[in-house]
Amino acid sequence: MERFALPAAQIEGRSFEIIESLLPSDLACTAQERQIIKRIVHTSGDPQVASLVRIHPAAVDAGLTAIRIGATIFTDVQMAAAGVNRRLTEKFDCRVQCALTTEGVDLVASRDGTTRATAAIRLLGAALDGGVVAIGNAPTALLALLDLVDQGLVRPALVVGVPVGFVGAAEAKQELLIRSQIPSISIEGFRGGSTLAAAIVNALLMLA
């Protein structure tokens, strides 16, 4: 403890000083985007992820506007919902809702032969319109959301699309990124996860 530990009040500040020194020198982003990227690196413990973050030009403004008017923050799984800072969501009157808690998810998933995440997004449907949708676990949730967007049924204010995994995750995120009409924040490739989805939302809440 004496050799390596810091007082609690100094740990986060020192962490972000180190992260700043590790970011790529050619990282092209705004000051607000840089704060989001630093939160992603802080949560992942992986400085290399900084170069894989993709932020739509309208994403930060869209996310901040949605938060400031009290938009609902939807997550694909409970772990992502649990990681969202409730002190800040309460400040803006933003409700946090996990899609999997939607009534009828298990029945619809079984009936349609889909994942629970897909069923949850389809059941929420128009309720997602104008919200912040954060997906960190299920690529199928992101693909189902993109289907709804393509059908003109829903238009989220912001999509935080960072599902993790080796099956469908990279492809789902690439599909998100090619839709220029959707303000989004994503991470190319296999990296992602519920903790990163929550970290991005929390970074936006702090900026708001």
N, C-alpha and C. Protein backbone atom coordinates (compact mmCIF):
# COMPACT_ATOMS: atom_id res chain seq x y z
N MET A 1 0.83 -1.21 0.00
CA MET A 1 0.00 0.00 0.00
C MET A 1 0.86 1.26 0.00
N GLU A 2 1.88 1.27 0.83
CA GLU A 2 2.73 2.46 0.96
C GLU A 2 3.48 2.75 -0.34
N ARG A 3 3.83 1.68 -1.09
CA ARG A 3 4.62 1.86 -2.30
C ARG A 3 3.79 2.31 -3.50
N PHE A 4 2.57 1.80 -3.64
CA PHE A 4 1.84 1.99 -4.88
C PHE A 4 0.50 2.69 -4.75
N ALA A 5 -0.12 2.66 -3.59
CA ALA A 5 -1.47 3.22 -3.46
C ALA A 5 -1.43 4.73 -3.34
N LEU A 6 -2.50 5.36 -3.82
CA LEU A 6 -2.70 6.80 -3.67
C LEU A 6 -3.91 7.05 -2.79
N PRO A 7 -4.00 8.21 -2.16
CA PRO A 7 -5.24 8.57 -1.45
C PRO A 7 -6.42 8.50 -2.41
N ALA A 8 -7.57 8.08 -1.91
CA ALA A 8 -8.74 7.86 -2.77
C ALA A 8 -9.07 9.07 -3.63
N ALA A 9 -8.94 10.27 -3.08
CA ALA A 9 -9.31 11.48 -3.81
C ALA A 9 -8.40 11.75 -5.00
N GLN A 10 -7.23 11.11 -5.02
CA GLN A 10 -6.27 11.38 -6.09
C GLN A 10 -6.28 10.34 -7.21
N ILE A 11 -6.92 9.20 -6.96
CA ILE A 11 -6.80 8.08 -7.88
C ILE A 11 -7.38 8.40 -9.26
N GLU A 12 -8.61 8.90 -9.31
CA GLU A 12 -9.22 9.14 -10.61
C GLU A 12 -8.47 10.22 -11.39
N GLY A 13 -8.10 11.30 -10.70
CA GLY A 13 -7.38 12.37 -11.37
C GLY A 13 -6.08 11.88 -11.97
N ARG A 14 -5.33 11.08 -11.19
CA ARG A 14 -4.07 10.54 -11.70
C ARG A 14 -4.32 9.58 -12.86
N SER A 15 -5.40 8.80 -12.79
CA SER A 15 -5.74 7.89 -13.87
C SER A 15 -5.93 8.64 -15.18
N PHE A 16 -6.65 9.75 -15.12
CA PHE A 16 -6.92 10.50 -16.34
C PHE A 16 -5.70 11.24 -16.85
N GLU A 17 -4.79 11.60 -15.97
CA GLU A 17 -3.52 12.17 -16.42
C GLU A 17 -2.73 11.13 -17.22
N ILE A 18 -2.71 9.90 -16.73
CA ILE A 18 -2.00 8.83 -17.43
C ILE A 18 -2.67 8.54 -18.76
N ILE A 19 -4.01 8.47 -18.76
CA ILE A 19 -4.74 8.20 -20.00
C ILE A 19 -4.45 9.27 -21.04
N GLU A 20 -4.46 10.52 -20.62
CA GLU A 20 -4.17 11.62 -21.54
C GLU A 20 -2.81 11.43 -22.19
N SER A 21 -1.83 11.00 -21.42
CA SER A 21 -0.48 10.82 -21.96
C SER A 21 -0.39 9.63 -22.91
N LEU A 22 -1.35 8.71 -22.84
CA LEU A 22 -1.31 7.50 -23.65
C LEU A 22 -2.15 7.59 -24.92
N LEU A 23 -2.97 8.62 -25.03
CA LEU A 23 -3.81 8.75 -26.22
C LEU A 23 -2.95 9.01 -27.46
N PRO A 24 -3.39 8.49 -28.61
CA PRO A 24 -2.61 8.72 -29.84
C PRO A 24 -2.45 10.21 -30.12
N SER A 25 -1.27 10.60 -30.57
CA SER A 25 -1.01 12.02 -30.84
C SER A 25 -1.83 12.54 -32.00
N ASP A 26 -2.25 11.64 -32.89
CA ASP A 26 -3.02 12.06 -34.07
C ASP A 26 -4.53 11.85 -33.89
N LEU A 27 -4.98 11.70 -32.66
CA LEU A 27 -6.40 11.46 -32.40
C LEU A 27 -7.20 12.72 -32.74
N ALA A 28 -8.02 12.62 -33.77
CA ALA A 28 -8.79 13.78 -34.24
C ALA A 28 -10.18 13.76 -33.61
N CYS A 29 -10.43 14.69 -32.70
CA CYS A 29 -11.71 14.73 -32.02
C CYS A 29 -11.88 16.09 -31.34
N THR A 30 -13.13 16.40 -31.01
CA THR A 30 -13.40 17.62 -30.26
C THR A 30 -13.06 17.40 -28.79
N ALA A 31 -13.08 18.48 -28.02
CA ALA A 31 -12.79 18.37 -26.59
C ALA A 31 -13.81 17.48 -25.89
N GLN A 32 -15.08 17.60 -26.26
CA GLN A 32 -16.11 16.77 -25.64
C GLN A 32 -15.95 15.31 -26.04
N GLU A 33 -15.67 15.06 -27.31
CA GLU A 33 -15.43 13.70 -27.75
C GLU A 33 -14.23 13.08 -27.05
N ARG A 34 -13.22 13.89 -26.80
CA ARG A 34 -12.03 13.41 -26.11
C ARG A 34 -12.37 12.93 -24.69
N GLN A 35 -13.28 13.64 -24.03
CA GLN A 35 -13.71 13.22 -22.69
C GLN A 35 -14.39 11.86 -22.74
N ILE A 36 -15.20 11.64 -23.75
CA ILE A 36 -15.87 10.35 -23.91
C ILE A 36 -14.86 9.24 -24.16
N ILE A 37 -13.93 9.50 -25.06
CA ILE A 37 -12.90 8.51 -25.37
C ILE A 37 -12.06 8.18 -24.13
N LYS A 38 -11.73 9.17 -23.35
CA LYS A 38 -10.95 8.93 -22.14
C LYS A 38 -11.73 8.07 -21.13
N ARG A 39 -13.05 8.28 -21.05
CA ARG A 39 -13.87 7.43 -20.17
C ARG A 39 -13.88 5.98 -20.67
N ILE A 40 -13.91 5.81 -21.98
CA ILE A 40 -13.87 4.46 -22.54
C ILE A 40 -12.55 3.78 -22.21
N VAL A 41 -11.45 4.50 -22.38
CA VAL A 41 -10.14 3.95 -22.06
C VAL A 41 -10.04 3.65 -20.56
N HIS A 42 -10.55 4.55 -19.73
CA HIS A 42 -10.51 4.36 -18.28
C HIS A 42 -11.26 3.10 -17.88
N THR A 43 -12.41 2.88 -18.46
CA THR A 43 -13.24 1.73 -18.10
C THR A 43 -12.68 0.42 -18.64
N SER A 44 -12.12 0.47 -19.85
CA SER A 44 -11.59 -0.75 -20.47
C SER A 44 -10.19 -1.08 -20.01
N GLY A 45 -9.43 -0.07 -19.54
CA GLY A 45 -8.04 -0.29 -19.19
C GLY A 45 -7.17 -0.55 -20.41
N ASP A 46 -7.66 -0.12 -21.59
CA ASP A 46 -6.98 -0.43 -22.85
C ASP A 46 -6.80 0.83 -23.68
N PRO A 47 -5.64 1.47 -23.65
CA PRO A 47 -5.43 2.69 -24.43
C PRO A 47 -5.60 2.48 -25.94
N GLN A 48 -5.38 1.25 -26.42
CA GLN A 48 -5.49 1.00 -27.85
C GLN A 48 -6.92 1.15 -28.37
N VAL A 49 -7.90 1.07 -27.48
CA VAL A 49 -9.28 1.18 -27.92
C VAL A 49 -9.60 2.59 -28.39
N ALA A 50 -8.82 3.57 -27.99
CA ALA A 50 -9.09 4.96 -28.36
C ALA A 50 -9.17 5.15 -29.86
N SER A 51 -8.31 4.47 -30.60
CA SER A 51 -8.29 4.63 -32.06
C SER A 51 -9.43 3.91 -32.75
N LEU A 52 -10.18 3.10 -32.00
CA LEU A 52 -11.29 2.35 -32.58
C LEU A 52 -12.65 3.00 -32.31
N VAL A 53 -12.67 4.04 -31.48
CA VAL A 53 -13.93 4.71 -31.16
C VAL A 53 -14.40 5.53 -32.36
N ARG A 54 -15.66 5.40 -32.67
CA ARG A 54 -16.25 6.14 -33.79
C ARG A 54 -17.43 6.96 -33.26
N ILE A 55 -17.33 8.27 -33.42
CA ILE A 55 -18.36 9.18 -32.91
C ILE A 55 -18.93 9.98 -34.07
N HIS A 56 -20.20 9.81 -34.34
CA HIS A 56 -20.89 10.56 -35.40
C HIS A 56 -20.78 12.05 -35.09
N PRO A 57 -20.61 12.89 -36.12
CA PRO A 57 -20.46 14.33 -35.88
C PRO A 57 -21.58 14.96 -35.06
N ALA A 58 -22.79 14.41 -35.16
CA ALA A 58 -23.93 14.97 -34.42
C ALA A 58 -24.19 14.26 -33.10
N ALA A 59 -23.39 13.24 -32.78
CA ALA A 59 -23.72 12.37 -31.65
C ALA A 59 -23.72 13.09 -30.31
N VAL A 60 -22.67 13.84 -30.03
CA VAL A 60 -22.56 14.47 -28.71
C VAL A 60 -23.68 15.48 -28.50
N ASP A 61 -23.90 16.35 -29.47
CA ASP A 61 -24.97 17.34 -29.32
C ASP A 61 -26.33 16.66 -29.19
N ALA A 62 -26.56 15.60 -29.97
CA ALA A 62 -27.83 14.89 -29.90
C ALA A 62 -28.02 14.24 -28.54
N GLY A 63 -26.96 13.63 -28.03
CA GLY A 63 -27.04 12.99 -26.73
C GLY A 63 -27.26 13.98 -25.61
N LEU A 64 -26.54 15.09 -25.64
CA LEU A 64 -26.68 16.10 -24.59
C LEU A 64 -28.07 16.73 -24.62
N THR A 65 -28.58 17.00 -25.81
CA THR A 65 -29.93 17.58 -25.92
C THR A 65 -30.96 16.62 -25.35
N ALA A 66 -30.85 15.34 -25.70
CA ALA A 66 -31.81 14.34 -25.21
C ALA A 66 -31.77 14.24 -23.69
N ILE A 67 -30.57 14.22 -23.13
CA ILE A 67 -30.42 14.13 -21.67
C ILE A 67 -31.03 15.35 -21.00
N ARG A 68 -30.76 16.52 -21.54
CA ARG A 68 -31.21 17.75 -20.90
C ARG A 68 -32.72 17.93 -20.93
N ILE A 69 -33.39 17.25 -21.85
CA ILE A 69 -34.86 17.32 -21.88
C ILE A 69 -35.49 16.12 -21.18
N GLY A 70 -34.65 15.29 -20.54
CA GLY A 70 -35.19 14.17 -19.76
C GLY A 70 -35.58 12.94 -20.55
N ALA A 71 -34.90 12.70 -21.66
CA ALA A 71 -35.20 11.51 -22.47
C ALA A 71 -34.90 10.24 -21.69
N THR A 72 -35.62 9.18 -22.00
CA THR A 72 -35.36 7.88 -21.38
C THR A 72 -34.08 7.29 -21.94
N ILE A 73 -33.30 6.67 -21.06
CA ILE A 73 -32.10 5.95 -21.46
C ILE A 73 -32.43 4.46 -21.43
N PHE A 74 -32.41 3.84 -22.58
CA PHE A 74 -32.71 2.42 -22.70
C PHE A 74 -31.40 1.63 -22.79
N THR A 75 -31.33 0.49 -22.11
CA THR A 75 -30.18 -0.39 -22.23
C THR A 75 -30.65 -1.77 -22.66
N ASP A 76 -29.73 -2.53 -23.24
CA ASP A 76 -30.13 -3.87 -23.67
C ASP A 76 -30.17 -4.86 -22.52
N VAL A 77 -29.30 -4.68 -21.52
CA VAL A 77 -29.24 -5.64 -20.41
C VAL A 77 -29.15 -4.91 -19.07
N GLN A 78 -29.41 -5.64 -18.00
CA GLN A 78 -29.41 -5.05 -16.66
C GLN A 78 -28.03 -4.55 -16.25
N MET A 79 -26.97 -5.22 -16.68
CA MET A 79 -25.64 -4.79 -16.28
C MET A 79 -25.35 -3.38 -16.76
N ALA A 80 -25.74 -3.07 -17.98
CA ALA A 80 -25.55 -1.71 -18.51
C ALA A 80 -26.40 -0.72 -17.73
N ALA A 81 -27.63 -1.09 -17.46
CA ALA A 81 -28.52 -0.20 -16.70
C ALA A 81 -27.96 0.07 -15.31
N ALA A 82 -27.40 -0.97 -14.67
CA ALA A 82 -26.87 -0.82 -13.32
C ALA A 82 -25.68 0.12 -13.28
N GLY A 83 -24.95 0.22 -14.39
CA GLY A 83 -23.76 1.05 -14.42
C GLY A 83 -24.02 2.52 -14.67
N VAL A 84 -25.25 2.89 -15.03
CA VAL A 84 -25.56 4.29 -15.32
C VAL A 84 -25.70 5.06 -14.02
N ASN A 85 -25.09 6.22 -13.96
CA ASN A 85 -25.04 7.04 -12.75
C ASN A 85 -26.42 7.62 -12.43
N ARG A 86 -27.06 7.08 -11.40
CA ARG A 86 -28.42 7.51 -11.06
C ARG A 86 -28.48 8.92 -10.47
N ARG A 87 -27.42 9.33 -9.82
CA ARG A 87 -27.41 10.70 -9.30
C ARG A 87 -27.54 11.71 -10.44
N LEU A 88 -26.87 11.42 -11.55
CA LEU A 88 -26.94 12.33 -12.69
C LEU A 88 -28.23 12.17 -13.48
N THR A 89 -28.72 10.94 -13.63
CA THR A 89 -29.99 10.79 -14.35
C THR A 89 -31.13 11.47 -13.60
N GLU A 90 -31.09 11.39 -12.28
CA GLU A 90 -32.13 12.05 -11.48
C GLU A 90 -32.06 13.57 -11.63
N LYS A 91 -30.87 14.09 -11.78
CA LYS A 91 -30.72 15.53 -11.98
C LYS A 91 -31.44 16.01 -13.22
N PHE A 92 -31.44 15.16 -14.26
CA PHE A 92 -32.07 15.53 -15.52
C PHE A 92 -33.44 14.88 -15.72
N ASP A 93 -33.92 14.17 -14.71
CA ASP A 93 -35.20 13.46 -14.81
C ASP A 93 -35.21 12.44 -15.94
N CYS A 94 -34.07 11.81 -16.17
CA CYS A 94 -33.97 10.77 -17.19
C CYS A 94 -34.25 9.40 -16.54
N ARG A 95 -35.20 8.70 -17.08
CA ARG A 95 -35.49 7.35 -16.60
C ARG A 95 -34.55 6.37 -17.28
N VAL A 96 -34.11 5.34 -16.56
CA VAL A 96 -33.27 4.29 -17.13
C VAL A 96 -34.11 3.02 -17.21
N GLN A 97 -34.21 2.46 -18.40
CA GLN A 97 -35.04 1.27 -18.59
C GLN A 97 -34.25 0.19 -19.31
N CYS A 98 -34.19 -1.00 -18.72
CA CYS A 98 -33.59 -2.15 -19.38
C CYS A 98 -34.62 -2.81 -20.29
N ALA A 99 -34.26 -2.99 -21.54
CA ALA A 99 -35.20 -3.55 -22.52
C ALA A 99 -35.71 -4.92 -22.12
N LEU A 100 -34.86 -5.72 -21.47
CA LEU A 100 -35.25 -7.08 -21.14
C LEU A 100 -36.34 -7.16 -20.08
N THR A 101 -36.61 -6.05 -19.40
CA THR A 101 -37.68 -6.05 -18.41
C THR A 101 -39.05 -5.77 -19.03
N THR A 102 -39.08 -5.55 -20.35
CA THR A 102 -40.34 -5.28 -21.03
C THR A 102 -41.26 -6.49 -20.94
N GLU A 103 -42.50 -6.25 -20.62
CA GLU A 103 -43.47 -7.35 -20.46
C GLU A 103 -43.64 -8.11 -21.77
N GLY A 104 -43.61 -9.42 -21.68
CA GLY A 104 -43.85 -10.27 -22.84
C GLY A 104 -42.61 -10.70 -23.60
N VAL A 105 -41.42 -10.32 -23.12
CA VAL A 105 -40.19 -10.63 -23.85
C VAL A 105 -40.01 -12.13 -24.05
N ASP A 106 -40.12 -12.90 -23.00
CA ASP A 106 -39.90 -14.34 -23.12
C ASP A 106 -40.90 -15.00 -24.07
N LEU A 107 -42.14 -14.57 -23.98
CA LEU A 107 -43.18 -15.14 -24.84
C LEU A 107 -42.91 -14.85 -26.30
N VAL A 108 -42.57 -13.60 -26.62
CA VAL A 108 -42.33 -13.21 -28.01
C VAL A 108 -41.07 -13.88 -28.55
N ALA A 109 -40.02 -13.97 -27.72
CA ALA A 109 -38.79 -14.61 -28.16
C ALA A 109 -39.03 -16.08 -28.49
N SER A 110 -39.80 -16.76 -27.64
CA SER A 110 -40.11 -18.17 -27.88
C SER A 110 -40.99 -18.34 -29.10
N ARG A 111 -41.98 -17.49 -29.23
CA ARG A 111 -42.92 -17.58 -30.36
C ARG A 111 -42.23 -17.35 -31.70
N ASP A 112 -41.33 -16.34 -31.73
CA ASP A 112 -40.70 -15.94 -32.99
C ASP A 112 -39.35 -16.61 -33.23
N GLY A 113 -38.85 -17.36 -32.25
CA GLY A 113 -37.57 -18.02 -32.41
C GLY A 113 -36.41 -17.04 -32.47
N THR A 114 -36.50 -15.96 -31.72
CA THR A 114 -35.46 -14.93 -31.70
C THR A 114 -34.78 -14.89 -30.34
N THR A 115 -33.77 -14.08 -30.23
CA THR A 115 -33.16 -13.85 -28.92
C THR A 115 -34.09 -12.97 -28.09
N ARG A 116 -33.91 -13.01 -26.78
CA ARG A 116 -34.70 -12.15 -25.89
C ARG A 116 -34.40 -10.67 -26.18
N ALA A 117 -33.17 -10.38 -26.53
CA ALA A 117 -32.79 -9.00 -26.83
C ALA A 117 -33.53 -8.48 -28.06
N THR A 118 -33.63 -9.31 -29.08
CA THR A 118 -34.37 -8.93 -30.29
C THR A 118 -35.84 -8.69 -29.96
N ALA A 119 -36.42 -9.62 -29.22
CA ALA A 119 -37.83 -9.49 -28.84
C ALA A 119 -38.07 -8.22 -28.04
N ALA A 120 -37.15 -7.91 -27.15
CA ALA A 120 -37.30 -6.73 -26.30
C ALA A 120 -37.31 -5.45 -27.12
N ILE A 121 -36.39 -5.33 -28.05
CA ILE A 121 -36.32 -4.13 -28.88
C ILE A 121 -37.57 -4.01 -29.75
N ARG A 122 -38.02 -5.12 -30.31
CA ARG A 122 -39.23 -5.08 -31.15
C ARG A 122 -40.46 -4.71 -30.33
N LEU A 123 -40.53 -5.21 -29.11
CA LEU A 123 -41.67 -4.87 -28.25
C LEU A 123 -41.67 -3.40 -27.86
N LEU A 124 -40.50 -2.85 -27.60
CA LEU A 124 -40.42 -1.44 -27.23
C LEU A 124 -40.81 -0.55 -28.40
N GLY A 125 -40.37 -0.90 -29.58
CA GLY A 125 -40.79 -0.19 -30.79
C GLY A 125 -40.72 1.31 -30.69
N ALA A 126 -41.86 1.95 -30.89
CA ALA A 126 -41.94 3.41 -30.93
C ALA A 126 -41.53 4.08 -29.63
N ALA A 127 -41.52 3.34 -28.52
CA ALA A 127 -41.10 3.92 -27.25
C ALA A 127 -39.64 4.36 -27.29
N LEU A 128 -38.86 3.77 -28.19
CA LEU A 128 -37.45 4.11 -28.32
C LEU A 128 -37.24 5.44 -29.03
N ASP A 129 -38.28 5.94 -29.67
CA ASP A 129 -38.17 7.17 -30.44
C ASP A 129 -37.76 8.33 -29.53
N GLY A 130 -36.69 9.02 -29.90
CA GLY A 130 -36.22 10.17 -29.14
C GLY A 130 -35.39 9.83 -27.92
N GLY A 131 -35.20 8.54 -27.66
CA GLY A 131 -34.43 8.14 -26.48
C GLY A 131 -32.97 7.93 -26.78
N VAL A 132 -32.21 7.70 -25.72
CA VAL A 132 -30.82 7.29 -25.84
C VAL A 132 -30.80 5.78 -25.66
N VAL A 133 -30.36 5.06 -26.69
CA VAL A 133 -30.37 3.60 -26.65
C VAL A 133 -28.93 3.12 -26.54
N ALA A 134 -28.61 2.45 -25.43
CA ALA A 134 -27.24 2.00 -25.16
C ALA A 134 -27.20 0.47 -25.18
N ILE A 135 -26.48 -0.08 -26.14
CA ILE A 135 -26.40 -1.52 -26.31
C ILE A 135 -24.95 -1.96 -26.15
N GLY A 136 -24.69 -2.77 -25.13
CA GLY A 136 -23.33 -3.18 -24.85
C GLY A 136 -23.10 -4.67 -24.86
N ASN A 137 -24.19 -5.44 -24.94
CA ASN A 137 -24.05 -6.89 -24.81
C ASN A 137 -24.53 -7.66 -26.04
N ALA A 138 -25.68 -7.27 -26.57
CA ALA A 138 -26.34 -8.11 -27.57
C ALA A 138 -26.31 -7.51 -28.97
N PRO A 139 -25.50 -8.07 -29.88
CA PRO A 139 -25.54 -7.59 -31.26
C PRO A 139 -26.92 -7.68 -31.88
N THR A 140 -27.70 -8.70 -31.47
CA THR A 140 -29.04 -8.85 -32.04
C THR A 140 -29.95 -7.69 -31.65
N ALA A 141 -29.73 -7.11 -30.48
CA ALA A 141 -30.51 -5.94 -30.08
C ALA A 141 -30.22 -4.77 -31.01
N LEU A 142 -28.95 -4.58 -31.33
CA LEU A 142 -28.58 -3.48 -32.23
C LEU A 142 -29.13 -3.72 -33.63
N LEU A 143 -29.04 -4.94 -34.12
CA LEU A 143 -29.58 -5.24 -35.46
C LEU A 143 -31.09 -5.06 -35.50
N ALA A 144 -31.78 -5.47 -34.43
CA ALA A 144 -33.24 -5.29 -34.37
C ALA A 144 -33.59 -3.81 -34.37
N LEU A 145 -32.81 -3.01 -33.66
CA LEU A 145 -33.04 -1.56 -33.64
C LEU A 145 -32.84 -0.96 -35.02
N LEU A 146 -31.78 -1.38 -35.71
CA LEU A 146 -31.53 -0.86 -37.05
C LEU A 146 -32.64 -1.24 -38.02
N ASP A 147 -33.21 -2.43 -37.85
CA ASP A 147 -34.36 -2.82 -38.67
C ASP A 147 -35.53 -1.85 -38.47
N LEU A 148 -35.79 -1.49 -37.20
CA LEU A 148 -36.88 -0.56 -36.92
C LEU A 148 -36.61 0.81 -37.53
N VAL A 149 -35.35 1.23 -37.48
CA VAL A 149 -34.98 2.52 -38.08
C VAL A 149 -35.18 2.46 -39.59
N ASP A 150 -34.71 1.37 -40.21
CA ASP A 150 -34.84 1.23 -41.66
C ASP A 150 -36.30 1.21 -42.11
N GLN A 151 -37.16 0.69 -41.25
CA GLN A 151 -38.59 0.63 -41.56
C GLN A 151 -39.31 1.94 -41.27
N GLY A 152 -38.57 2.92 -40.76
CA GLY A 152 -39.16 4.22 -40.45
C GLY A 152 -40.06 4.21 -39.23
N LEU A 153 -39.88 3.21 -38.35
CA LEU A 153 -40.76 3.07 -37.20
C LEU A 153 -40.24 3.78 -35.96
N VAL A 154 -38.94 4.07 -35.94
CA VAL A 154 -38.35 4.67 -34.75
C VAL A 154 -37.12 5.47 -35.14
N ARG A 155 -36.86 6.54 -34.38
CA ARG A 155 -35.65 7.35 -34.59
C ARG A 155 -35.11 7.76 -33.21
N PRO A 156 -34.19 6.97 -32.67
CA PRO A 156 -33.59 7.36 -31.38
C PRO A 156 -32.81 8.66 -31.53
N ALA A 157 -32.70 9.39 -30.43
CA ALA A 157 -31.87 10.59 -30.45
C ALA A 157 -30.41 10.22 -30.61
N LEU A 158 -30.00 9.14 -29.94
CA LEU A 158 -28.61 8.68 -29.99
C LEU A 158 -28.57 7.18 -29.77
N VAL A 159 -27.72 6.51 -30.52
CA VAL A 159 -27.48 5.09 -30.30
C VAL A 159 -26.03 4.91 -29.85
N VAL A 160 -25.87 4.37 -28.65
CA VAL A 160 -24.55 3.96 -28.16
C VAL A 160 -24.48 2.47 -28.47
N GLY A 161 -23.81 2.13 -29.54
CA GLY A 161 -23.79 0.76 -30.02
C GLY A 161 -22.43 0.12 -29.84
N VAL A 162 -22.24 -0.56 -28.73
CA VAL A 162 -20.94 -1.18 -28.43
C VAL A 162 -21.09 -2.63 -27.98
N PRO A 163 -21.89 -3.44 -28.69
CA PRO A 163 -21.99 -4.85 -28.27
C PRO A 163 -20.64 -5.54 -28.42
N VAL A 164 -20.37 -6.45 -27.49
CA VAL A 164 -19.09 -7.14 -27.46
C VAL A 164 -19.25 -8.54 -28.02
N GLY A 165 -18.19 -9.09 -28.60
CA GLY A 165 -18.25 -10.50 -28.98
C GLY A 165 -17.66 -10.79 -30.35
N PHE A 166 -17.63 -12.09 -30.67
CA PHE A 166 -17.02 -12.56 -31.90
C PHE A 166 -18.04 -13.00 -32.94
N VAL A 167 -19.31 -13.04 -32.56
CA VAL A 167 -20.36 -13.46 -33.49
C VAL A 167 -21.35 -12.31 -33.66
N GLY A 168 -21.24 -11.61 -34.76
CA GLY A 168 -22.22 -10.58 -35.09
C GLY A 168 -21.94 -9.20 -34.53
N ALA A 169 -21.05 -9.08 -33.56
CA ALA A 169 -20.85 -7.79 -32.91
C ALA A 169 -20.20 -6.78 -33.86
N ALA A 170 -19.09 -7.17 -34.47
CA ALA A 170 -18.41 -6.25 -35.39
C ALA A 170 -19.31 -5.89 -36.56
N GLU A 171 -20.05 -6.88 -37.05
CA GLU A 171 -20.93 -6.65 -38.19
C GLU A 171 -22.08 -5.70 -37.83
N ALA A 172 -22.67 -5.91 -36.64
CA ALA A 172 -23.77 -5.04 -36.21
C ALA A 172 -23.30 -3.60 -36.06
N LYS A 173 -22.10 -3.42 -35.50
CA LYS A 173 -21.57 -2.07 -35.32
C LYS A 173 -21.24 -1.43 -36.66
N GLN A 174 -20.76 -2.22 -37.62
CA GLN A 174 -20.49 -1.66 -38.94
C GLN A 174 -21.79 -1.22 -39.61
N GLU A 175 -22.85 -2.00 -39.44
CA GLU A 175 -24.15 -1.60 -39.98
C GLU A 175 -24.63 -0.29 -39.38
N LEU A 176 -24.38 -0.12 -38.09
CA LEU A 176 -24.75 1.15 -37.44
C LEU A 176 -23.98 2.31 -38.04
N LEU A 177 -22.69 2.12 -38.24
CA LEU A 177 -21.82 3.22 -38.68
C LEU A 177 -22.11 3.66 -40.11
N ILE A 178 -22.63 2.78 -40.95
CA ILE A 178 -22.89 3.18 -42.33
C ILE A 178 -24.22 3.93 -42.47
N ARG A 179 -24.99 3.99 -41.39
CA ARG A 179 -26.25 4.74 -41.43
C ARG A 179 -25.98 6.15 -40.91
N SER A 180 -25.66 7.03 -41.83
CA SER A 180 -25.23 8.38 -41.46
C SER A 180 -26.33 9.20 -40.81
N GLN A 181 -27.59 8.75 -40.97
CA GLN A 181 -28.70 9.53 -40.40
C GLN A 181 -28.88 9.29 -38.91
N ILE A 182 -28.15 8.32 -38.35
CA ILE A 182 -28.30 7.99 -36.94
C ILE A 182 -27.10 8.51 -36.15
N PRO A 183 -27.29 9.50 -35.28
CA PRO A 183 -26.19 9.90 -34.39
C PRO A 183 -25.80 8.71 -33.52
N SER A 184 -24.53 8.36 -33.53
CA SER A 184 -24.11 7.15 -32.82
C SER A 184 -22.70 7.28 -32.27
N ILE A 185 -22.44 6.46 -31.26
CA ILE A 185 -21.10 6.29 -30.72
C ILE A 185 -20.85 4.79 -30.69
N SER A 186 -19.73 4.36 -31.28
CA SER A 186 -19.48 2.93 -31.37
C SER A 186 -17.99 2.66 -31.27
N ILE A 187 -17.65 1.38 -31.23
CA ILE A 187 -16.26 0.92 -31.19
C ILE A 187 -16.12 -0.17 -32.23
N GLU A 188 -15.26 0.04 -33.20
CA GLU A 188 -15.10 -0.95 -34.25
C GLU A 188 -14.52 -2.26 -33.72
N GLY A 189 -14.92 -3.35 -34.36
CA GLY A 189 -14.35 -4.65 -34.04
C GLY A 189 -15.07 -5.39 -32.94
N PHE A 190 -14.34 -6.26 -32.25
CA PHE A 190 -14.93 -7.16 -31.27
C PHE A 190 -15.12 -6.51 -29.90
N ARG A 191 -14.38 -5.45 -29.61
CA ARG A 191 -14.42 -4.85 -28.27
C ARG A 191 -15.77 -4.19 -28.00
N GLY A 192 -16.08 -4.09 -26.72
CA GLY A 192 -17.33 -3.46 -26.30
C GLY A 192 -17.71 -3.98 -24.93
N GLY A 193 -19.00 -3.97 -24.64
CA GLY A 193 -19.48 -4.51 -23.39
C GLY A 193 -20.38 -3.55 -22.64
N SER A 194 -21.10 -4.11 -21.68
CA SER A 194 -22.06 -3.33 -20.90
C SER A 194 -21.38 -2.23 -20.10
N THR A 195 -20.18 -2.51 -19.58
CA THR A 195 -19.49 -1.48 -18.80
C THR A 195 -19.10 -0.29 -19.68
N LEU A 196 -18.75 -0.56 -20.92
CA LEU A 196 -18.39 0.53 -21.82
C LEU A 196 -19.64 1.31 -22.27
N ALA A 197 -20.74 0.61 -22.48
CA ALA A 197 -21.98 1.30 -22.81
C ALA A 197 -22.37 2.26 -21.69
N ALA A 198 -22.28 1.78 -20.45
CA ALA A 198 -22.60 2.63 -19.31
C ALA A 198 -21.61 3.78 -19.17
N ALA A 199 -20.33 3.51 -19.43
CA ALA A 199 -19.31 4.55 -19.33
C ALA A 199 -19.56 5.67 -20.32
N ILE A 200 -19.98 5.34 -21.52
CA ILE A 200 -20.28 6.35 -22.54
C ILE A 200 -21.48 7.19 -22.11
N VAL A 201 -22.52 6.54 -21.63
CA VAL A 201 -23.69 7.26 -21.15
C VAL A 201 -23.30 8.17 -19.99
N ASN A 202 -22.50 7.67 -19.07
CA ASN A 202 -22.07 8.48 -17.93
C ASN A 202 -21.22 9.67 -18.36
N ALA A 203 -20.39 9.46 -19.37
CA ALA A 203 -19.59 10.59 -19.88
C ALA A 203 -20.49 11.67 -20.43
N LEU A 204 -21.55 11.28 -21.13
CA LEU A 204 -22.51 12.26 -21.66
C LEU A 204 -23.26 12.96 -20.52
N LEU A 205 -23.63 12.19 -19.51
CA LEU A 205 -24.31 12.79 -18.35
C LEU A 205 -23.41 13.82 -17.67
N MET A 206 -22.14 13.52 -17.56
CA MET A 206 -21.21 14.47 -16.95
C MET A 206 -21.05 15.71 -17.80
N LEU A 207 -20.97 15.53 -19.11
CA LEU A 207 -20.86 16.67 -20.01
C LEU A 207 -22.12 17.53 -19.97
N ALA A 208 -23.27 16.89 -19.80
CA ALA A 208 -24.55 17.62 -19.74
C ALA A 208 -24.63 18.48 -18.49
